Amino acid sequence: MLAPHVTMNVHCGCGHNARIGSYSVLSPYAAVAGAAELGEGVFLGSYAFVAPEKRVGNHSKLSAGAITHNDVPENALAVGSPARIIANYYS
């Protein structure tokens, strides 16, 4: 399900039953697998991947090439594969 005001760039993908929150951005080649969930205002860098049934919290960012193996909390910046939190905003 896509909420209003979502930006999906070229060659990005969104799997079945995935939920994308309002004001989220999927950069080129970013992918959201089936049954995954993005909160509001999430940014996925190029080639970022959200694994099936994982959640990325509101206002979080995944850097280019980041791959989630676990949920990402709200207001976090995650990098690498597997994605690890390097910054937590507003906390």
PDB file of N, CA and C in Angstrom:
ATOM      1  N   MET A   1       0.844  -1.168   0.000  1.00  0.00           N
ATOM      2  CA  MET A   1       0.000   0.000   0.000  1.00  0.00           C
ATOM      3  C   MET A   1       0.894   1.238   0.000  1.00  0.00           C
ATOM      4  N   LEU A   2       0.647   2.115  -0.940  1.00  0.00           N
ATOM      5  CA  LEU A   2       1.392   3.363  -1.021  1.00  0.00           C
ATOM      6  C   LEU A   2       0.556   4.494  -0.441  1.00  0.00           C
ATOM      7  N   ALA A   3       1.134   5.226   0.466  1.00  0.00           N
ATOM      8  CA  ALA A   3       0.474   6.406   1.022  1.00  0.00           C
ATOM      9  C   ALA A   3       0.699   7.585   0.066  1.00  0.00           C
ATOM     10  N   PRO A   4      -0.003   8.690   0.263  1.00  0.00           N
ATOM     11  CA  PRO A   4       0.202   9.847  -0.603  1.00  0.00           C
ATOM     12  C   PRO A   4       1.593  10.454  -0.417  1.00  0.00           C
ATOM     13  N   HIS A   5       2.060  11.113  -1.449  1.00  0.00           N
ATOM     14  CA  HIS A   5       3.317  11.858  -1.435  1.00  0.00           C
ATOM     15  C   HIS A   5       4.548  10.965  -1.297  1.00  0.00           C
ATOM     16  N   VAL A   6       4.537   9.811  -1.924  1.00  0.00           N
ATOM     17  CA  VAL A   6       5.694   8.914  -1.935  1.00  0.00           C
ATOM     18  C   VAL A   6       6.428   9.125  -3.257  1.00  0.00           C
ATOM     19  N   THR A   7       7.758   9.235  -3.198  1.00  0.00           N
ATOM     20  CA  THR A   7       8.563   9.382  -4.400  1.00  0.00           C
ATOM     21  C   THR A   7       9.276   8.071  -4.682  1.00  0.00           C
ATOM     22  N   MET A   8       8.967   7.489  -5.838  1.00  0.00           N
ATOM     23  CA  MET A   8       9.625   6.246  -6.261  1.00  0.00           C
ATOM     24  C   MET A   8      10.408   6.555  -7.538  1.00  0.00           C
ATOM     25  N   ASN A   9      11.728   6.515  -7.449  1.00  0.00           N
ATOM     26  CA  ASN A   9      12.581   6.815  -8.595  1.00  0.00           C
ATOM     27  C   ASN A   9      12.668   5.629  -9.547  1.00  0.00           C
ATOM     28  N   VAL A  10      13.366   5.824 -10.654  1.00  0.00           N
ATOM     29  CA  VAL A  10      13.476   4.786 -11.677  1.00  0.00           C
ATOM     30  C   VAL A  10      14.140   3.526 -11.126  1.00  0.00           C
ATOM     31  N   HIS A  11      13.687   2.393 -11.594  1.00  0.00           N
ATOM     32  CA  HIS A  11      14.259   1.077 -11.275  1.00  0.00           C
ATOM     33  C   HIS A  11      14.192   0.699  -9.800  1.00  0.00           C
ATOM     34  N   CYS A  12      13.306   1.321  -9.027  1.00  0.00           N
ATOM     35  CA  CYS A  12      13.133   0.873  -7.647  1.00  0.00           C
ATOM     36  C   CYS A  12      11.984  -0.132  -7.622  1.00  0.00           C
ATOM     37  N   GLY A  13      11.909  -0.909  -6.553  1.00  0.00           N
ATOM     38  CA  GLY A  13      10.885  -1.934  -6.499  1.00  0.00           C
ATOM     39  C   GLY A  13      10.179  -1.973  -5.164  1.00  0.00           C
ATOM     40  N   CYS A  14       8.926  -2.416  -5.209  1.00  0.00           N
ATOM     41  CA  CYS A  14       8.106  -2.522  -4.011  1.00  0.00           C
ATOM     42  C   CYS A  14       7.360  -3.848  -4.094  1.00  0.00           C
ATOM     43  N   GLY A  15       7.642  -4.763  -3.160  1.00  0.00           N
ATOM     44  CA  GLY A  15       7.064  -6.102  -3.186  1.00  0.00           C
ATOM     45  C   GLY A  15       5.617  -6.145  -2.728  1.00  0.00           C
ATOM     46  N   HIS A  16       5.023  -7.320  -2.856  1.00  0.00           N
ATOM     47  CA  HIS A  16       3.628  -7.539  -2.470  1.00  0.00           C
ATOM     48  C   HIS A  16       3.421  -7.303  -0.977  1.00  0.00           C
ATOM     49  N   ASN A  17       2.280  -6.744  -0.646  1.00  0.00           N
ATOM     50  CA  ASN A  17       1.885  -6.470   0.737  1.00  0.00           C
ATOM     51  C   ASN A  17       2.832  -5.535   1.483  1.00  0.00           C
ATOM     52  N   ALA A  18       3.716  -4.844   0.786  1.00  0.00           N
ATOM     53  CA  ALA A  18       4.597  -3.876   1.441  1.00  0.00           C
ATOM     54  C   ALA A  18       3.805  -2.604   1.736  1.00  0.00           C
ATOM     55  N   ARG A  19       4.201  -1.914   2.795  1.00  0.00           N
ATOM     56  CA  ARG A  19       3.557  -0.657   3.167  1.00  0.00           C
ATOM     57  C   ARG A  19       4.594   0.451   3.154  1.00  0.00           C
ATOM     58  N   ILE A  20       4.281   1.512   2.439  1.00  0.00           N
ATOM     59  CA  ILE A  20       5.185   2.656   2.322  1.00  0.00           C
ATOM     60  C   ILE A  20       4.470   3.867   2.904  1.00  0.00           C
ATOM     61  N   GLY A  21       5.074   4.495   3.922  1.00  0.00           N
ATOM     62  CA  GLY A  21       4.466   5.651   4.578  1.00  0.00           C
ATOM     63  C   GLY A  21       4.586   6.931   3.770  1.00  0.00           C
ATOM     64  N   SER A  22       3.763   7.909   4.096  1.00  0.00           N
ATOM     65  CA  SER A  22       3.752   9.213   3.429  1.00  0.00           C
ATOM     66  C   SER A  22       5.120   9.876   3.468  1.00  0.00           C
ATOM     67  N   TYR A  23       5.422  10.603   2.428  1.00  0.00           N
ATOM     68  CA  TYR A  23       6.641  11.402   2.305  1.00  0.00           C
ATOM     69  C   TYR A  23       7.921  10.576   2.308  1.00  0.00           C
ATOM     70  N   SER A  24       7.826   9.309   1.984  1.00  0.00           N
ATOM     71  CA  SER A  24       9.021   8.461   1.875  1.00  0.00           C
ATOM     72  C   SER A  24       9.613   8.590   0.476  1.00  0.00           C
ATOM     73  N   VAL A  25      10.916   8.326   0.371  1.00  0.00           N
ATOM     74  CA  VAL A  25      11.624   8.415  -0.910  1.00  0.00           C
ATOM     75  C   VAL A  25      12.397   7.128  -1.137  1.00  0.00           C
ATOM     76  N   LEU A  26      12.188   6.523  -2.300  1.00  0.00           N
ATOM     77  CA  LEU A  26      12.971   5.357  -2.721  1.00  0.00           C
ATOM     78  C   LEU A  26      13.868   5.806  -3.859  1.00  0.00           C
ATOM     79  N   SER A  27      15.173   5.802  -3.628  1.00  0.00           N
ATOM     80  CA  SER A  27      16.142   6.215  -4.643  1.00  0.00           C
ATOM     81  C   SER A  27      16.236   5.153  -5.732  1.00  0.00           C
ATOM     82  N   PRO A  28      16.917   5.469  -6.850  1.00  0.00           N
ATOM     83  CA  PRO A  28      17.053   4.481  -7.916  1.00  0.00           C
ATOM     84  C   PRO A  28      17.644   3.167  -7.410  1.00  0.00           C
ATOM     85  N   TYR A  29      17.050   2.071  -7.851  1.00  0.00           N
ATOM     86  CA  TYR A  29      17.456   0.694  -7.534  1.00  0.00           C
ATOM     87  C   TYR A  29      17.218   0.284  -6.083  1.00  0.00           C
ATOM     88  N   ALA A  30      16.549   1.098  -5.285  1.00  0.00           N
ATOM     89  CA  ALA A  30      16.173   0.692  -3.925  1.00  0.00           C
ATOM     90  C   ALA A  30      15.052  -0.337  -4.032  1.00  0.00           C
ATOM     91  N   ALA A  31      14.969  -1.240  -3.065  1.00  0.00           N
ATOM     92  CA  ALA A  31      13.944  -2.278  -3.108  1.00  0.00           C
ATOM     93  C   ALA A  31      13.355  -2.519  -1.720  1.00  0.00           C
ATOM     94  N   VAL A  32      12.046  -2.693  -1.704  1.00  0.00           N
ATOM     95  CA  VAL A  32      11.316  -3.033  -0.485  1.00  0.00           C
ATOM     96  C   VAL A  32      10.660  -4.381  -0.751  1.00  0.00           C
ATOM     97  N   ALA A  33      11.049  -5.405  -0.011  1.00  0.00           N
ATOM     98  CA  ALA A  33      10.543  -6.753  -0.243  1.00  0.00           C
ATOM     99  C   ALA A  33       9.111  -6.902   0.278  1.00  0.00           C
ATOM    100  N   GLY A  34       8.512  -8.039  -0.031  1.00  0.00           N
ATOM    101  CA  GLY A  34       7.138  -8.307   0.362  1.00  0.00           C
ATOM    102  C   GLY A  34       6.928  -8.258   1.857  1.00  0.00           C
ATOM    103  N   ALA A  35       5.803  -7.694   2.260  1.00  0.00           N
ATOM    104  CA  ALA A  35       5.382  -7.604   3.649  1.00  0.00           C
ATOM    105  C   ALA A  35       6.299  -6.738   4.509  1.00  0.00           C
ATOM    106  N   ALA A  36       7.197  -5.968   3.913  1.00  0.00           N
ATOM    107  CA  ALA A  36       8.038  -5.032   4.670  1.00  0.00           C
ATOM    108  C   ALA A  36       7.250  -3.737   4.877  1.00  0.00           C
ATOM    109  N   GLU A  37       7.707  -2.922   5.811  1.00  0.00           N
ATOM    110  CA  GLU A  37       6.988  -1.691   6.118  1.00  0.00           C
ATOM    111  C   GLU A  37       7.956  -0.529   6.311  1.00  0.00           C
ATOM    112  N   LEU A  38       7.656   0.584   5.654  1.00  0.00           N
ATOM    113  CA  LEU A  38       8.397   1.824   5.843  1.00  0.00           C
ATOM    114  C   LEU A  38       7.477   2.818   6.535  1.00  0.00           C
ATOM    115  N   GLY A  39       7.970   3.469   7.566  1.00  0.00           N
ATOM    116  CA  GLY A  39       7.184   4.501   8.247  1.00  0.00           C
ATOM    117  C   GLY A  39       7.128   5.768   7.406  1.00  0.00           C
ATOM    118  N   GLU A  40       6.642   6.836   7.995  1.00  0.00           N
ATOM    119  CA  GLU A  40       6.553   8.118   7.298  1.00  0.00           C
ATOM    120  C   GLU A  40       7.920   8.777   7.195  1.00  0.00           C
ATOM    121  N   GLY A  41       8.171   9.431   6.071  1.00  0.00           N
ATOM    122  CA  GLY A  41       9.385  10.212   5.888  1.00  0.00           C
ATOM    123  C   GLY A  41      10.658   9.399   5.833  1.00  0.00           C
ATOM    124  N   VAL A  42      10.591   8.156   5.398  1.00  0.00           N
ATOM    125  CA  VAL A  42      11.780   7.289   5.307  1.00  0.00           C
ATOM    126  C   VAL A  42      12.513   7.574   3.998  1.00  0.00           C
ATOM    127  N   PHE A  43      13.835   7.547   4.027  1.00  0.00           N
ATOM    128  CA  PHE A  43      14.662   7.714   2.832  1.00  0.00           C
ATOM    129  C   PHE A  43      15.504   6.459   2.624  1.00  0.00           C
ATOM    130  N   LEU A  44      15.392   5.857   1.436  1.00  0.00           N
ATOM    131  CA  LEU A  44      16.238   4.717   1.069  1.00  0.00           C
ATOM    132  C   LEU A  44      17.199   5.171  -0.009  1.00  0.00           C
ATOM    133  N   GLY A  45      18.503   5.041   0.242  1.00  0.00           N
ATOM    134  CA  GLY A  45      19.510   5.391  -0.741  1.00  0.00           C
ATOM    135  C   GLY A  45      19.538   4.392  -1.885  1.00  0.00           C
ATOM    136  N   SER A  46      20.291   4.701  -2.914  1.00  0.00           N
ATOM    137  CA  SER A  46      20.408   3.810  -4.076  1.00  0.00           C
ATOM    138  C   SER A  46      20.878   2.425  -3.656  1.00  0.00           C
ATOM    139  N   TYR A  47      20.246   1.411  -4.202  1.00  0.00           N
ATOM    140  CA  TYR A  47      20.553  -0.002  -3.942  1.00  0.00           C
ATOM    141  C   TYR A  47      20.287  -0.441  -2.502  1.00  0.00           C
ATOM    142  N   ALA A  48      19.613   0.368  -1.705  1.00  0.00           N
ATOM    143  CA  ALA A  48      19.226  -0.059  -0.346  1.00  0.00           C
ATOM    144  C   ALA A  48      18.155  -1.135  -0.476  1.00  0.00           C
ATOM    145  N   PHE A  49      18.114  -2.063   0.478  1.00  0.00           N
ATOM    146  CA  PHE A  49      17.162  -3.169   0.434  1.00  0.00           C
ATOM    147  C   PHE A  49      16.569  -3.398   1.814  1.00  0.00           C
ATOM    148  N   VAL A  50      15.237  -3.451   1.860  1.00  0.00           N
ATOM    149  CA  VAL A  50      14.532  -3.774   3.099  1.00  0.00           C
ATOM    150  C   VAL A  50      14.031  -5.207   2.948  1.00  0.00           C
ATOM    151  N   ALA A  51      14.513  -6.087   3.797  1.00  0.00           N
ATOM    152  CA  ALA A  51      14.195  -7.521   3.713  1.00  0.00           C
ATOM    153  C   ALA A  51      12.726  -7.779   4.036  1.00  0.00           C
ATOM    154  N   PRO A  52      12.212  -8.948   3.632  1.00  0.00           N
ATOM    155  CA  PRO A  52      10.814  -9.277   3.896  1.00  0.00           C
ATOM    156  C   PRO A  52      10.473  -9.219   5.383  1.00  0.00           C
ATOM    157  N   GLU A  53       9.304  -8.662   5.660  1.00  0.00           N
ATOM    158  CA  GLU A  53       8.747  -8.581   7.012  1.00  0.00           C
ATOM    159  C   GLU A  53       9.580  -7.751   7.986  1.00  0.00           C
ATOM    160  N   LYS A  54      10.448  -6.899   7.490  1.00  0.00           N
ATOM    161  CA  LYS A  54      11.210  -5.985   8.351  1.00  0.00           C
ATOM    162  C   LYS A  54      10.557  -4.618   8.330  1.00  0.00           C
ATOM    163  N   ARG A  55      10.808  -3.814   9.370  1.00  0.00           N
ATOM    164  CA  ARG A  55      10.214  -2.489   9.472  1.00  0.00           C
ATOM    165  C   ARG A  55      11.300  -1.434   9.618  1.00  0.00           C
ATOM    166  N   VAL A  56      11.101  -0.329   8.911  1.00  0.00           N
ATOM    167  CA  VAL A  56      11.963   0.840   9.038  1.00  0.00           C
ATOM    168  C   VAL A  56      11.086   1.926   9.642  1.00  0.00           C
ATOM    169  N   GLY A  57      11.485   2.435  10.812  1.00  0.00           N
ATOM    170  CA  GLY A  57      10.678   3.403  11.548  1.00  0.00           C
ATOM    171  C   GLY A  57      10.592   4.769  10.889  1.00  0.00           C
ATOM    172  N   ASN A  58       9.675   5.576  11.377  1.00  0.00           N
ATOM    173  CA  ASN A  58       9.445   6.926  10.858  1.00  0.00           C
ATOM    174  C   ASN A  58      10.732   7.741  10.833  1.00  0.00           C
ATOM    175  N   HIS A  59      10.923   8.476   9.746  1.00  0.00           N
ATOM    176  CA  HIS A  59      12.015   9.437   9.581  1.00  0.00           C
ATOM    177  C   HIS A  59      13.412   8.818   9.637  1.00  0.00           C
ATOM    178  N   SER A  60      13.520   7.541   9.362  1.00  0.00           N
ATOM    179  CA  SER A  60      14.836   6.888   9.326  1.00  0.00           C
ATOM    180  C   SER A  60      15.413   6.933   7.926  1.00  0.00           C
ATOM    181  N   LYS A  61      16.720   6.712   7.852  1.00  0.00           N
ATOM    182  CA  LYS A  61      17.416   6.743   6.566  1.00  0.00           C
ATOM    183  C   LYS A  61      18.293   5.503   6.444  1.00  0.00           C
ATOM    184  N   LEU A  62      18.273   4.878   5.253  1.00  0.00           N
ATOM    185  CA  LEU A  62      19.190   3.786   4.929  1.00  0.00           C
ATOM    186  C   LEU A  62      20.131   4.303   3.864  1.00  0.00           C
ATOM    187  N   SER A  63      21.424   4.175   4.094  1.00  0.00           N
ATOM    188  CA  SER A  63      22.398   4.688   3.144  1.00  0.00           C
ATOM    189  C   SER A  63      22.391   3.845   1.873  1.00  0.00           C
ATOM    190  N   ALA A  64      23.094   4.314   0.874  1.00  0.00           N
ATOM    191  CA  ALA A  64      23.219   3.566  -0.378  1.00  0.00           C
ATOM    192  C   ALA A  64      23.825   2.199  -0.098  1.00  0.00           C
ATOM    193  N   GLY A  65      23.195   1.162  -0.613  1.00  0.00           N
ATOM    194  CA  GLY A  65      23.700  -0.189  -0.465  1.00  0.00           C
ATOM    195  C   GLY A  65      23.402  -0.857   0.862  1.00  0.00           C
ATOM    196  N   ALA A  66      22.693  -0.202   1.767  1.00  0.00           N
ATOM    197  CA  ALA A  66      22.377  -0.802   3.064  1.00  0.00           C
ATOM    198  C   ALA A  66      21.354  -1.924   2.882  1.00  0.00           C
ATOM    199  N   ILE A  67      21.536  -3.004   3.628  1.00  0.00           N
ATOM    200  CA  ILE A  67      20.619  -4.146   3.567  1.00  0.00           C
ATOM    201  C   ILE A  67      20.162  -4.465   4.986  1.00  0.00           C
ATOM    202  N   THR A  68      18.856  -4.407   5.211  1.00  0.00           N
ATOM    203  CA  THR A  68      18.324  -4.660   6.554  1.00  0.00           C
ATOM    204  C   THR A  68      18.232  -6.151   6.826  1.00  0.00           C
ATOM    205  N   HIS A  69      18.725  -6.555   7.969  1.00  0.00           N
ATOM    206  CA  HIS A  69      18.559  -7.917   8.463  1.00  0.00           C
ATOM    207  C   HIS A  69      17.688  -7.891   9.708  1.00  0.00           C
ATOM    208  N   ASN A  70      17.524  -6.690  10.281  1.00  0.00           N
ATOM    209  CA  ASN A  70      16.692  -6.469  11.471  1.00  0.00           C
ATOM    210  C   ASN A  70      15.873  -5.209  11.246  1.00  0.00           C
ATOM    211  N   ASP A  71      14.904  -4.974  12.117  1.00  0.00           N
ATOM    212  CA  ASP A  71      14.131  -3.740  12.048  1.00  0.00           C
ATOM    213  C   ASP A  71      15.038  -2.544  12.342  1.00  0.00           C
ATOM    214  N   VAL A  72      14.689  -1.401  11.761  1.00  0.00           N
ATOM    215  CA  VAL A  72      15.418  -0.157  12.006  1.00  0.00           C
ATOM    216  C   VAL A  72      14.487   0.751  12.799  1.00  0.00           C
ATOM    217  N   PRO A  73      14.928   1.267  13.956  1.00  0.00           N
ATOM    218  CA  PRO A  73      14.045   2.107  14.780  1.00  0.00           C
ATOM    219  C   PRO A  73      13.797   3.475  14.148  1.00  0.00           C
ATOM    220  N   GLU A  74      12.895   4.230  14.751  1.00  0.00           N
ATOM    221  CA  GLU A  74      12.601   5.586  14.277  1.00  0.00           C
ATOM    222  C   GLU A  74      13.814   6.488  14.393  1.00  0.00           C
ATOM    223  N   ASN A  75      13.898   7.473  13.494  1.00  0.00           N
ATOM    224  CA  ASN A  75      14.912   8.531  13.534  1.00  0.00           C
ATOM    225  C   ASN A  75      16.342   8.023  13.504  1.00  0.00           C
ATOM    226  N   ALA A  76      16.590   6.917  12.821  1.00  0.00           N
ATOM    227  CA  ALA A  76      17.927   6.321  12.794  1.00  0.00           C
ATOM    228  C   ALA A  76      18.558   6.458  11.410  1.00  0.00           C
ATOM    229  N   LEU A  77      19.877   6.432  11.400  1.00  0.00           N
ATOM    230  CA  LEU A  77      20.642   6.349  10.157  1.00  0.00           C
ATOM    231  C   LEU A  77      21.351   5.005  10.176  1.00  0.00           C
ATOM    232  N   ALA A  78      21.066   4.155   9.173  1.00  0.00           N
ATOM    233  CA  ALA A  78      21.650   2.819   9.102  1.00  0.00           C
ATOM    234  C   ALA A  78      22.499   2.698   7.843  1.00  0.00           C
ATOM    235  N   VAL A  79      23.650   2.035   7.984  1.00  0.00           N
ATOM    236  CA  VAL A  79      24.569   1.856   6.854  1.00  0.00           C
ATOM    237  C   VAL A  79      25.071   0.413   6.817  1.00  0.00           C
ATOM    238  N   GLY A  80      25.523  -0.016   5.643  1.00  0.00           N
ATOM    239  CA  GLY A  80      26.215  -1.295   5.511  1.00  0.00           C
ATOM    240  C   GLY A  80      25.326  -2.499   5.302  1.00  0.00           C
ATOM    241  N   SER A  81      26.009  -3.639   5.207  1.00  0.00           N
ATOM    242  CA  SER A  81      25.327  -4.923   5.035  1.00  0.00           C
ATOM    243  C   SER A  81      25.971  -5.932   5.975  1.00  0.00           C
ATOM    244  N   PRO A  82      25.291  -6.356   7.010  1.00  0.00           N
ATOM    245  CA  PRO A  82      23.940  -5.947   7.390  1.00  0.00           C
ATOM    246  C   PRO A  82      23.910  -4.519   7.914  1.00  0.00           C
ATOM    247  N   ALA A  83      22.773  -3.878   7.736  1.00  0.00           N
ATOM    248  CA  ALA A  83      22.636  -2.479   8.157  1.00  0.00           C
ATOM    249  C   ALA A  83      22.806  -2.357   9.667  1.00  0.00           C
ATOM    250  N   ARG A  84      23.609  -1.384  10.076  1.00  0.00           N
ATOM    251  CA  ARG A  84      23.785  -1.123  11.507  1.00  0.00           C
ATOM    252  C   ARG A  84      23.546   0.365  11.750  1.00  0.00           C
ATOM    253  N   ILE A  85      23.044   0.680  12.899  1.00  0.00           N
ATOM    254  CA  ILE A  85      22.686   2.057  13.247  1.00  0.00           C
ATOM    255  C   ILE A  85      23.957   2.812  13.625  1.00  0.00           C
ATOM    256  N   ILE A  86      24.197   3.936  12.954  1.00  0.00           N
ATOM    257  CA  ILE A  86      25.365   4.752  13.312  1.00  0.00           C
ATOM    258  C   ILE A  86      24.958   6.081  13.926  1.00  0.00           C
ATOM    259  N   ALA A  87      23.687   6.451  13.796  1.00  0.00           N
ATOM    260  CA  ALA A  87      23.212   7.695  14.398  1.00  0.00           C
ATOM    261  C   ALA A  87      21.736   7.541  14.717  1.00  0.00           C
ATOM    262  N   ASN A  88      21.315   8.206  15.783  1.00  0.00           N
ATOM    263  CA  ASN A  88      19.920   8.198  16.167  1.00  0.00           C
ATOM    264  C   ASN A  88      19.539   9.646  16.446  1.00  0.00           C
ATOM    265  N   TYR A  89      18.664  10.209  15.616  1.00  0.00           N
ATOM    266  CA  TYR A  89      18.297  11.623  15.717  1.00  0.00           C
ATOM    267  C   TYR A  89      17.157  11.801  16.702  1.00  0.00           C
ATOM    268  N   TYR A  90      17.056  12.979  17.284  1.00  0.00           N
ATOM    269  CA  TYR A  90      15.955  13.365  18.157  1.00  0.00           C
ATOM    270  C   TYR A  90      15.862  12.507  19.409  1.00  0.00           C
ATOM    271  N   SER A  91      16.947  11.914  19.863  1.00  0.00           N
ATOM    272  CA  SER A  91      16.849  11.117  21.084  1.00  0.00           C
ATOM    273  C   SER A  91      17.846  11.581  22.127  1.00  0.00           C
TER     274      SER A  91
END
